[in-house]
């Protein structure tokens, strides 16, 4: 039997890797992958604490979070494709949509 604290430490490590990836990387696809890593770390925490307390609420939150994450990815990739078609690049440093 694996203790709940191991799952929480793993989730913390995954979340930290995701935050560092968002702050360091400049490719929007990699940034989306890091955001998904952070969401999965939160999902792991929900499931681990739900199992620890003997309730199903954590699993229900995970299903809802997965549905929201799928919608976020589809909208985000659509925005990336639209930016690439208009600017010919997806590098965050080179794309500034607020300039005229």
PDB file of N, CA and C in Angstrom:
ATOM      1  N   UNK A   1       0.842  -1.181   0.000  1.00  0.00           N
ATOM      2  CA  UNK A   1       0.000   0.000   0.000  1.00  0.00           C
ATOM      3  C   UNK A   1       0.888   1.246   0.000  1.00  0.00           C
ATOM      4  N   UNK A   2       0.669   2.119  -0.958  1.00  0.00           N
ATOM      5  CA  UNK A   2       1.461   3.354  -1.072  1.00  0.00           C
ATOM      6  C   UNK A   2       0.793   4.445  -0.241  1.00  0.00           C
ATOM      7  N   UNK A   3       1.561   5.123   0.613  1.00  0.00           N
ATOM      8  CA  UNK A   3       0.958   6.188   1.428  1.00  0.00           C
ATOM      9  C   UNK A   3       0.498   7.369   0.574  1.00  0.00           C
ATOM     10  N   UNK A   4      -0.496   8.091   1.081  1.00  0.00           N
ATOM     11  CA  UNK A   4      -1.044   9.241   0.364  1.00  0.00           C
ATOM     12  C   UNK A   4      -0.005  10.339   0.201  1.00  0.00           C
ATOM     13  N   UNK A   5       0.894  10.454   1.139  1.00  0.00           N
ATOM     14  CA  UNK A   5       1.904  11.512   1.057  1.00  0.00           C
ATOM     15  C   UNK A   5       2.798  11.346  -0.164  1.00  0.00           C
ATOM     16  N   UNK A   6       3.039  10.130  -0.603  1.00  0.00           N
ATOM     17  CA  UNK A   6       3.846   9.915  -1.810  1.00  0.00           C
ATOM     18  C   UNK A   6       3.140  10.497  -3.033  1.00  0.00           C
ATOM     19  N   UNK A   7       1.840  10.279  -3.121  1.00  0.00           N
ATOM     20  CA  UNK A   7       1.073  10.833  -4.234  1.00  0.00           C
ATOM     21  C   UNK A   7       1.089  12.363  -4.205  1.00  0.00           C
ATOM     22  N   UNK A   8       0.981  12.917  -3.017  1.00  0.00           N
ATOM     23  CA  UNK A   8       0.973  14.383  -2.901  1.00  0.00           C
ATOM     24  C   UNK A   8       2.337  14.980  -3.249  1.00  0.00           C
ATOM     25  N   UNK A   9       3.406  14.304  -2.861  1.00  0.00           N
ATOM     26  CA  UNK A   9       4.744  14.771  -3.230  1.00  0.00           C
ATOM     27  C   UNK A   9       4.941  14.682  -4.736  1.00  0.00           C
ATOM     28  N   UNK A  10       4.497  13.579  -5.339  1.00  0.00           N
ATOM     29  CA  UNK A  10       4.585  13.443  -6.795  1.00  0.00           C
ATOM     30  C   UNK A  10       3.779  14.527  -7.494  1.00  0.00           C
ATOM     31  N   UNK A  11       2.588  14.810  -7.000  1.00  0.00           N
ATOM     32  CA  UNK A  11       1.764  15.860  -7.593  1.00  0.00           C
ATOM     33  C   UNK A  11       2.439  17.219  -7.456  1.00  0.00           C
ATOM     34  N   UNK A  12       3.077  17.472  -6.316  1.00  0.00           N
ATOM     35  CA  UNK A  12       3.797  18.733  -6.132  1.00  0.00           C
ATOM     36  C   UNK A  12       4.964  18.867  -7.091  1.00  0.00           C
ATOM     37  N   UNK A  13       5.690  17.772  -7.308  1.00  0.00           N
ATOM     38  CA  UNK A  13       6.808  17.794  -8.253  1.00  0.00           C
ATOM     39  C   UNK A  13       6.306  18.041  -9.675  1.00  0.00           C
ATOM     40  N   UNK A  14       5.233  17.354 -10.068  1.00  0.00           N
ATOM     41  CA  UNK A  14       4.671  17.555 -11.405  1.00  0.00           C
ATOM     42  C   UNK A  14       4.180  18.982 -11.592  1.00  0.00           C
ATOM     43  N   UNK A  15       3.527  19.530 -10.573  1.00  0.00           N
ATOM     44  CA  UNK A  15       3.024  20.896 -10.667  1.00  0.00           C
ATOM     45  C   UNK A  15       4.183  21.883 -10.784  1.00  0.00           C
ATOM     46  N   UNK A  16       5.260  21.656 -10.040  1.00  0.00           N
ATOM     47  CA  UNK A  16       6.423  22.539 -10.113  1.00  0.00           C
ATOM     48  C   UNK A  16       7.083  22.473 -11.480  1.00  0.00           C
ATOM     49  N   UNK A  17       7.187  21.288 -12.050  1.00  0.00           N
ATOM     50  CA  UNK A  17       7.744  21.152 -13.398  1.00  0.00           C
ATOM     51  C   UNK A  17       6.874  21.903 -14.402  1.00  0.00           C
ATOM     52  N   UNK A  18       5.557  21.814 -14.247  1.00  0.00           N
ATOM     53  CA  UNK A  18       4.662  22.535 -15.137  1.00  0.00           C
ATOM     54  C   UNK A  18       4.807  24.038 -15.027  1.00  0.00           C
ATOM     55  N   UNK A  19       4.913  24.552 -13.810  1.00  0.00           N
ATOM     56  CA  UNK A  19       5.078  25.995 -13.612  1.00  0.00           C
ATOM     57  C   UNK A  19       6.391  26.468 -14.219  1.00  0.00           C
ATOM     58  N   UNK A  20       7.467  25.719 -13.985  1.00  0.00           N
ATOM     59  CA  UNK A  20       8.758  26.093 -14.562  1.00  0.00           C
ATOM     60  C   UNK A  20       8.713  26.065 -16.087  1.00  0.00           C
ATOM     61  N   UNK A  21       8.017  25.094 -16.648  1.00  0.00           N
ATOM     62  CA  UNK A  21       7.883  25.029 -18.102  1.00  0.00           C
ATOM     63  C   UNK A  21       7.128  26.207 -18.673  1.00  0.00           C
ATOM     64  N   UNK A  22       6.079  26.637 -17.985  1.00  0.00           N
ATOM     65  CA  UNK A  22       5.313  27.796 -18.455  1.00  0.00           C
ATOM     66  C   UNK A  22       6.163  29.056 -18.381  1.00  0.00           C
ATOM     67  N   UNK A  23       6.955  29.191 -17.335  1.00  0.00           N
ATOM     68  CA  UNK A  23       7.756  30.399 -17.161  1.00  0.00           C
ATOM     69  C   UNK A  23       8.981  30.443 -18.071  1.00  0.00           C
ATOM     70  N   UNK A  24       9.540  29.295 -18.430  1.00  0.00           N
ATOM     71  CA  UNK A  24      10.802  29.262 -19.163  1.00  0.00           C
ATOM     72  C   UNK A  24      10.600  29.127 -20.669  1.00  0.00           C
ATOM     73  N   UNK A  25       9.695  28.294 -21.090  1.00  0.00           N
ATOM     74  CA  UNK A  25       9.555  27.985 -22.516  1.00  0.00           C
ATOM     75  C   UNK A  25       8.852  29.111 -23.272  1.00  0.00           C
ATOM     76  N   UNK A  26       9.134  29.225 -24.559  1.00  0.00           N
ATOM     77  CA  UNK A  26       8.549  30.261 -25.396  1.00  0.00           C
ATOM     78  C   UNK A  26       7.670  29.688 -26.505  1.00  0.00           C
ATOM     79  N   UNK A  27       7.553  28.391 -26.597  1.00  0.00           N
ATOM     80  CA  UNK A  27       6.714  27.763 -27.608  1.00  0.00           C
ATOM     81  C   UNK A  27       5.327  27.530 -27.010  1.00  0.00           C
ATOM     82  N   UNK A  28       4.275  28.043 -27.645  1.00  0.00           N
ATOM     83  CA  UNK A  28       2.948  27.913 -27.041  1.00  0.00           C
ATOM     84  C   UNK A  28       2.456  26.476 -26.917  1.00  0.00           C
ATOM     85  N   UNK A  29       2.889  25.583 -27.780  1.00  0.00           N
ATOM     86  CA  UNK A  29       2.466  24.192 -27.671  1.00  0.00           C
ATOM     87  C   UNK A  29       3.083  23.557 -26.427  1.00  0.00           C
ATOM     88  N   UNK A  30       4.344  23.870 -26.164  1.00  0.00           N
ATOM     89  CA  UNK A  30       5.001  23.372 -24.952  1.00  0.00           C
ATOM     90  C   UNK A  30       4.357  23.996 -23.721  1.00  0.00           C
ATOM     91  N   UNK A  31       3.974  25.257 -23.809  1.00  0.00           N
ATOM     92  CA  UNK A  31       3.301  25.915 -22.689  1.00  0.00           C
ATOM     93  C   UNK A  31       1.968  25.229 -22.398  1.00  0.00           C
ATOM     94  N   UNK A  32       1.215  24.884 -23.433  1.00  0.00           N
ATOM     95  CA  UNK A  32      -0.042  24.152 -23.229  1.00  0.00           C
ATOM     96  C   UNK A  32       0.213  22.784 -22.595  1.00  0.00           C
ATOM     97  N   UNK A  33       1.281  22.119 -23.014  1.00  0.00           N
ATOM     98  CA  UNK A  33       1.607  20.823 -22.412  1.00  0.00           C
ATOM     99  C   UNK A  33       1.950  20.987 -20.930  1.00  0.00           C
ATOM    100  N   UNK A  34       2.632  22.069 -20.581  1.00  0.00           N
ATOM    101  CA  UNK A  34       2.971  22.311 -19.175  1.00  0.00           C
ATOM    102  C   UNK A  34       1.723  22.644 -18.363  1.00  0.00           C
ATOM    103  N   UNK A  35       0.790  23.368 -18.961  1.00  0.00           N
ATOM    104  CA  UNK A  35      -0.475  23.645 -18.277  1.00  0.00           C
ATOM    105  C   UNK A  35      -1.244  22.352 -18.041  1.00  0.00           C
ATOM    106  N   UNK A  36      -1.239  21.469 -19.020  1.00  0.00           N
ATOM    107  CA  UNK A  36      -1.886  20.164 -18.849  1.00  0.00           C
ATOM    108  C   UNK A  36      -1.194  19.347 -17.762  1.00  0.00           C
ATOM    109  N   UNK A  37       0.124  19.470 -17.656  1.00  0.00           N
ATOM    110  CA  UNK A  37       0.851  18.785 -16.598  1.00  0.00           C
ATOM    111  C   UNK A  37       0.417  19.299 -15.225  1.00  0.00           C
ATOM    112  N   UNK A  38       0.208  20.607 -15.111  1.00  0.00           N
ATOM    113  CA  UNK A  38      -0.266  21.180 -13.851  1.00  0.00           C
ATOM    114  C   UNK A  38      -1.686  20.705 -13.537  1.00  0.00           C
ATOM    115  N   UNK A  39      -2.540  20.635 -14.547  1.00  0.00           N
ATOM    116  CA  UNK A  39      -3.903  20.130 -14.324  1.00  0.00           C
ATOM    117  C   UNK A  39      -3.890  18.665 -13.893  1.00  0.00           C
ATOM    118  N   UNK A  40      -3.011  17.872 -14.494  1.00  0.00           N
ATOM    119  CA  UNK A  40      -2.922  16.462 -14.108  1.00  0.00           C
ATOM    120  C   UNK A  40      -2.366  16.306 -12.693  1.00  0.00           C
ATOM    121  N   UNK A  41      -1.487  17.205 -12.279  1.00  0.00           N
ATOM    122  CA  UNK A  41      -1.003  17.175 -10.896  1.00  0.00           C
ATOM    123  C   UNK A  41      -2.150  17.462  -9.935  1.00  0.00           C
ATOM    124  N   UNK A  42      -2.992  18.421 -10.285  1.00  0.00           N
ATOM    125  CA  UNK A  42      -4.157  18.710  -9.448  1.00  0.00           C
ATOM    126  C   UNK A  42      -5.119  17.521  -9.438  1.00  0.00           C
ATOM    127  N   UNK A  43      -5.300  16.876 -10.581  1.00  0.00           N
ATOM    128  CA  UNK A  43      -6.163  15.695 -10.648  1.00  0.00           C
ATOM    129  C   UNK A  43      -5.629  14.562  -9.777  1.00  0.00           C
ATOM    130  N   UNK A  44      -4.308  14.364  -9.798  1.00  0.00           N
ATOM    131  CA  UNK A  44      -3.702  13.346  -8.948  1.00  0.00           C
ATOM    132  C   UNK A  44      -3.949  13.651  -7.471  1.00  0.00           C
ATOM    133  N   UNK A  45      -3.886  14.926  -7.118  1.00  0.00           N
ATOM    134  CA  UNK A  45      -4.155  15.322  -5.733  1.00  0.00           C
ATOM    135  C   UNK A  45      -5.603  15.041  -5.361  1.00  0.00           C
ATOM    136  N   UNK A  46      -6.535  15.379  -6.253  1.00  0.00           N
ATOM    137  CA  UNK A  46      -7.955  15.108  -5.984  1.00  0.00           C
ATOM    138  C   UNK A  46      -8.203  13.617  -5.759  1.00  0.00           C
ATOM    139  N   UNK A  47      -7.645  12.783  -6.631  1.00  0.00           N
ATOM    140  CA  UNK A  47      -7.882  11.343  -6.519  1.00  0.00           C
ATOM    141  C   UNK A  47      -7.228  10.784  -5.259  1.00  0.00           C
ATOM    142  N   UNK A  48      -5.994  11.219  -4.966  1.00  0.00           N
ATOM    143  CA  UNK A  48      -5.292  10.704  -3.787  1.00  0.00           C
ATOM    144  C   UNK A  48      -6.016  11.087  -2.499  1.00  0.00           C
ATOM    145  N   UNK A  49      -6.456  12.340  -2.407  1.00  0.00           N
ATOM    146  CA  UNK A  49      -7.154  12.762  -1.195  1.00  0.00           C
ATOM    147  C   UNK A  49      -8.554  12.155  -1.113  1.00  0.00           C
ATOM    148  N   UNK A  50      -9.191  11.951  -2.258  1.00  0.00           N
ATOM    149  CA  UNK A  50     -10.481  11.267  -2.243  1.00  0.00           C
ATOM    150  C   UNK A  50     -10.364   9.841  -1.740  1.00  0.00           C
ATOM    151  N   UNK A  51      -9.302   9.153  -2.169  1.00  0.00           N
ATOM    152  CA  UNK A  51      -9.070   7.788  -1.689  1.00  0.00           C
ATOM    153  C   UNK A  51      -8.693   7.788  -0.210  1.00  0.00           C
ATOM    154  N   UNK A  52      -7.914   8.777   0.197  1.00  0.00           N
ATOM    155  CA  UNK A  52      -7.486   8.860   1.592  1.00  0.00           C
ATOM    156  C   UNK A  52      -8.675   9.060   2.538  1.00  0.00           C
ATOM    157  N   UNK A  53      -9.618   9.910   2.124  1.00  0.00           N
ATOM    158  CA  UNK A  53     -10.775  10.187   2.972  1.00  0.00           C
ATOM    159  C   UNK A  53     -11.952   9.263   2.687  1.00  0.00           C
ATOM    160  N   UNK A  54     -11.823   8.382   1.703  1.00  0.00           N
ATOM    161  CA  UNK A  54     -12.866   7.405   1.421  1.00  0.00           C
ATOM    162  C   UNK A  54     -14.099   7.993   0.761  1.00  0.00           C
ATOM    163  N   UNK A  55     -13.920   9.037  -0.038  1.00  0.00           N
ATOM    164  CA  UNK A  55     -15.053   9.663  -0.716  1.00  0.00           C
ATOM    165  C   UNK A  55     -14.808   9.671  -2.220  1.00  0.00           C
ATOM    166  N   UNK A  56     -15.888   9.818  -2.965  1.00  0.00           N
ATOM    167  CA  UNK A  56     -15.789   9.817  -4.417  1.00  0.00           C
ATOM    168  C   UNK A  56     -15.756  11.228  -4.993  1.00  0.00           C
ATOM    169  N   UNK A  57     -15.793  12.234  -4.160  1.00  0.00           N
ATOM    170  CA  UNK A  57     -15.824  13.617  -4.647  1.00  0.00           C
ATOM    171  C   UNK A  57     -14.591  13.949  -5.479  1.00  0.00           C
ATOM    172  N   UNK A  58     -13.427  13.444  -5.092  1.00  0.00           N
ATOM    173  CA  UNK A  58     -12.199  13.719  -5.839  1.00  0.00           C
ATOM    174  C   UNK A  58     -12.278  13.205  -7.263  1.00  0.00           C
ATOM    175  N   UNK A  59     -12.850  12.024  -7.440  1.00  0.00           N
ATOM    176  CA  UNK A  59     -12.972  11.461  -8.786  1.00  0.00           C
ATOM    177  C   UNK A  59     -13.971  12.240  -9.622  1.00  0.00           C
ATOM    178  N   UNK A  60     -15.015  12.751  -8.996  1.00  0.00           N
ATOM    179  CA  UNK A  60     -15.987  13.570  -9.741  1.00  0.00           C
ATOM    180  C   UNK A  60     -15.344  14.868 -10.214  1.00  0.00           C
ATOM    181  N   UNK A  61     -14.518  15.479  -9.367  1.00  0.00           N
ATOM    182  CA  UNK A  61     -13.815  16.703  -9.763  1.00  0.00           C
ATOM    183  C   UNK A  61     -12.843  16.439 -10.898  1.00  0.00           C
ATOM    184  N   UNK A  62     -12.208  15.276 -10.881  1.00  0.00           N
ATOM    185  CA  UNK A  62     -11.259  14.925 -11.932  1.00  0.00           C
ATOM    186  C   UNK A  62     -11.972  14.782 -13.271  1.00  0.00           C
ATOM    187  N   UNK A  63     -13.119  14.152 -13.282  1.00  0.00           N
ATOM    188  CA  UNK A  63     -13.864  13.999 -14.536  1.00  0.00           C
ATOM    189  C   UNK A  63     -14.263  15.363 -15.086  1.00  0.00           C
ATOM    190  N   UNK A  64     -14.715  16.257 -14.220  1.00  0.00           N
ATOM    191  CA  UNK A  64     -15.052  17.607 -14.649  1.00  0.00           C
ATOM    192  C   UNK A  64     -13.809  18.341 -15.156  1.00  0.00           C
ATOM    193  N   UNK A  65     -12.683  18.221 -14.458  1.00  0.00           N
ATOM    194  CA  UNK A  65     -11.449  18.898 -14.872  1.00  0.00           C
ATOM    195  C   UNK A  65     -10.946  18.368 -16.207  1.00  0.00           C
ATOM    196  N   UNK A  66     -11.096  17.070 -16.459  1.00  0.00           N
ATOM    197  CA  UNK A  66     -10.680  16.507 -17.747  1.00  0.00           C
ATOM    198  C   UNK A  66     -11.536  17.037 -18.891  1.00  0.00           C
ATOM    199  N   UNK A  67     -12.820  17.210 -18.640  1.00  0.00           N
ATOM    200  CA  UNK A  67     -13.702  17.769 -19.679  1.00  0.00           C
ATOM    201  C   UNK A  67     -13.322  19.219 -19.984  1.00  0.00           C
ATOM    202  N   UNK A  68     -13.048  19.990 -18.947  1.00  0.00           N
ATOM    203  CA  UNK A  68     -12.644  21.386 -19.148  1.00  0.00           C
ATOM    204  C   UNK A  68     -11.288  21.452 -19.842  1.00  0.00           C
ATOM    205  N   UNK A  69     -10.366  20.569 -19.485  1.00  0.00           N
ATOM    206  CA  UNK A  69      -9.042  20.551 -20.112  1.00  0.00           C
ATOM    207  C   UNK A  69      -9.139  20.198 -21.598  1.00  0.00           C
ATOM    208  N   UNK A  70     -10.018  19.283 -21.955  1.00  0.00           N
ATOM    209  CA  UNK A  70     -10.187  18.929 -23.368  1.00  0.00           C
ATOM    210  C   UNK A  70     -10.720  20.126 -24.155  1.00  0.00           C
ATOM    211  N   UNK A  71     -11.660  20.851 -23.579  1.00  0.00           N
ATOM    212  CA  UNK A  71     -12.179  22.046 -24.255  1.00  0.00           C
ATOM    213  C   UNK A  71     -11.099  23.114 -24.358  1.00  0.00           C
ATOM    214  N   UNK A  72     -10.303  23.272 -23.323  1.00  0.00           N
ATOM    215  CA  UNK A  72      -9.231  24.272 -23.333  1.00  0.00           C
ATOM    216  C   UNK A  72      -8.206  23.964 -24.421  1.00  0.00           C
ATOM    217  N   UNK A  73      -7.855  22.708 -24.564  1.00  0.00           N
ATOM    218  CA  UNK A  73      -6.868  22.329 -25.574  1.00  0.00           C
ATOM    219  C   UNK A  73      -7.407  22.579 -26.978  1.00  0.00           C
ATOM    220  N   UNK A  74      -8.648  22.250 -27.219  1.00  0.00           N
ATOM    221  CA  UNK A  74      -9.192  22.453 -28.563  1.00  0.00           C
ATOM    222  C   UNK A  74      -9.266  23.934 -28.912  1.00  0.00           C
ATOM    223  N   UNK A  75      -9.681  24.768 -27.977  1.00  0.00           N
ATOM    224  CA  UNK A  75      -9.733  26.209 -28.236  1.00  0.00           C
ATOM    225  C   UNK A  75      -8.326  26.781 -28.361  1.00  0.00           C
ATOM    226  N   UNK A  76      -7.423  26.364 -27.491  1.00  0.00           N
ATOM    227  CA  UNK A  76      -6.051  26.871 -27.534  1.00  0.00           C
ATOM    228  C   UNK A  76      -5.339  26.508 -28.822  1.00  0.00           C
ATOM    229  N   UNK A  77      -5.486  25.277 -29.279  1.00  0.00           N
ATOM    230  CA  UNK A  77      -4.847  24.888 -30.535  1.00  0.00           C
ATOM    231  C   UNK A  77      -5.463  25.610 -31.727  1.00  0.00           C
ATOM    232  N   UNK A  78      -6.761  25.886 -31.665  1.00  0.00           N
ATOM    233  CA  UNK A  78      -7.389  26.686 -32.715  1.00  0.00           C
ATOM    234  C   UNK A  78      -6.827  28.094 -32.761  1.00  0.00           C
ATOM    235  N   UNK A  79      -6.599  28.686 -31.619  1.00  0.00           N
ATOM    236  CA  UNK A  79      -6.006  30.024 -31.561  1.00  0.00           C
ATOM    237  C   UNK A  79      -4.576  29.997 -32.086  1.00  0.00           C
ATOM    238  N   UNK A  80      -3.819  28.965 -31.729  1.00  0.00           N
ATOM    239  CA  UNK A  80      -2.439  28.858 -32.223  1.00  0.00           C
ATOM    240  C   UNK A  80      -2.411  28.732 -33.740  1.00  0.00           C
ATOM    241  N   UNK A  81      -3.302  27.928 -34.309  1.00  0.00           N
ATOM    242  CA  UNK A  81      -3.356  27.776 -35.765  1.00  0.00           C
ATOM    243  C   UNK A  81      -3.730  29.101 -36.427  1.00  0.00           C
ATOM    244  N   UNK A  82      -4.678  29.839 -35.845  1.00  0.00           N
ATOM    245  CA  UNK A  82      -5.067  31.138 -36.413  1.00  0.00           C
ATOM    246  C   UNK A  82      -3.914  32.141 -36.355  1.00  0.00           C
ATOM    247  N   UNK A  83      -3.171  32.144 -35.265  1.00  0.00           N
ATOM    248  CA  UNK A  83      -2.020  33.047 -35.156  1.00  0.00           C
ATOM    249  C   UNK A  83      -0.938  32.655 -36.150  1.00  0.00           C
ATOM    250  N   UNK A  84      -0.704  31.370 -36.302  1.00  0.00           N
ATOM    251  CA  UNK A  84       0.319  30.926 -37.250  1.00  0.00           C
ATOM    252  C   UNK A  84      -0.053  31.303 -38.677  1.00  0.00           C
ATOM    253  N   UNK A  85      -1.320  31.192 -39.020  1.00  0.00           N
ATOM    254  CA  UNK A  85      -1.740  31.536 -40.382  1.00  0.00           C
ATOM    255  C   UNK A  85      -1.590  33.021 -40.668  1.00  0.00           C
ATOM    256  N   UNK A  86      -1.783  33.860 -39.660  1.00  0.00           N
ATOM    257  CA  UNK A  86      -1.692  35.297 -39.906  1.00  0.00           C
ATOM    258  C   UNK A  86      -0.283  35.845 -39.725  1.00  0.00           C
ATOM    259  N   UNK A  87       0.493  35.312 -38.787  1.00  0.00           N
ATOM    260  CA  UNK A  87       1.817  35.867 -38.481  1.00  0.00           C
ATOM    261  C   UNK A  87       2.979  35.031 -39.003  1.00  0.00           C
ATOM    262  N   UNK A  88       2.735  33.820 -39.487  1.00  0.00           N
ATOM    263  CA  UNK A  88       3.760  32.902 -39.989  1.00  0.00           C
ATOM    264  C   UNK A  88       4.749  32.452 -38.912  1.00  0.00           C
ATOM    265  N   UNK A  89       4.445  32.654 -37.640  1.00  0.00           N
ATOM    266  CA  UNK A  89       5.278  32.174 -36.542  1.00  0.00           C
ATOM    267  C   UNK A  89       4.401  31.958 -35.313  1.00  0.00           C
ATOM    268  N   UNK A  90       4.870  31.080 -34.426  1.00  0.00           N
ATOM    269  CA  UNK A  90       4.142  30.893 -33.173  1.00  0.00           C
ATOM    270  C   UNK A  90       5.042  31.161 -31.978  1.00  0.00           C
ATOM    271  N   UNK A  91       6.214  31.758 -32.220  1.00  0.00           N
ATOM    272  CA  UNK A  91       7.109  32.095 -31.128  1.00  0.00           C
ATOM    273  C   UNK A  91       6.483  33.219 -30.305  1.00  0.00           C
ATOM    274  N   UNK A  92       6.392  33.030 -29.003  1.00  0.00           N
ATOM    275  CA  UNK A  92       5.719  33.992 -28.125  1.00  0.00           C
ATOM    276  C   UNK A  92       6.409  35.347 -28.154  1.00  0.00           C
ATOM    277  N   UNK A  93       7.738  35.365 -28.254  1.00  0.00           N
ATOM    278  CA  UNK A  93       8.467  36.628 -28.245  1.00  0.00           C
ATOM    279  C   UNK A  93       8.220  37.442 -29.517  1.00  0.00           C
ATOM    280  N   UNK A  94       7.985  36.770 -30.633  1.00  0.00           N
ATOM    281  CA  UNK A  94       7.806  37.461 -31.908  1.00  0.00           C
ATOM    282  C   UNK A  94       6.358  37.851 -32.179  1.00  0.00           C
ATOM    283  N   UNK A  95       5.420  37.194 -31.566  1.00  0.00           N
ATOM    284  CA  UNK A  95       4.004  37.464 -31.801  1.00  0.00           C
ATOM    285  C   UNK A  95       3.507  38.421 -30.727  1.00  0.00           C
ATOM    286  N   UNK A  96       3.076  39.595 -31.156  1.00  0.00           N
ATOM    287  CA  UNK A  96       2.479  40.557 -30.227  1.00  0.00           C
ATOM    288  C   UNK A  96       1.196  41.059 -30.883  1.00  0.00           C
ATOM    289  N   UNK A  97       0.077  40.544 -30.451  1.00  0.00           N
ATOM    290  CA  UNK A  97      -1.204  40.872 -31.081  1.00  0.00           C
ATOM    291  C   UNK A  97      -1.729  42.225 -30.646  1.00  0.00           C
ATOM    292  N   UNK A  98      -1.161  42.840 -29.619  1.00  0.00           N
ATOM    293  CA  UNK A  98      -1.653  44.117 -29.132  1.00  0.00           C
ATOM    294  C   UNK A  98      -1.085  45.287 -29.933  1.00  0.00           C
ATOM    295  N   UNK A  99      -0.059  45.048 -30.746  1.00  0.00           N
ATOM    296  CA  UNK A  99       0.500  46.119 -31.586  1.00  0.00           C
ATOM    297  C   UNK A  99      -0.339  46.271 -32.850  1.00  0.00           C
ATOM    298  N   UNK A 100      -0.325  47.453 -33.395  1.00  0.00           N
ATOM    299  CA  UNK A 100      -1.029  47.679 -34.666  1.00  0.00           C
ATOM    300  C   UNK A 100      -0.066  47.670 -35.799  1.00  0.00           C
TER     301      UNK A 100
END
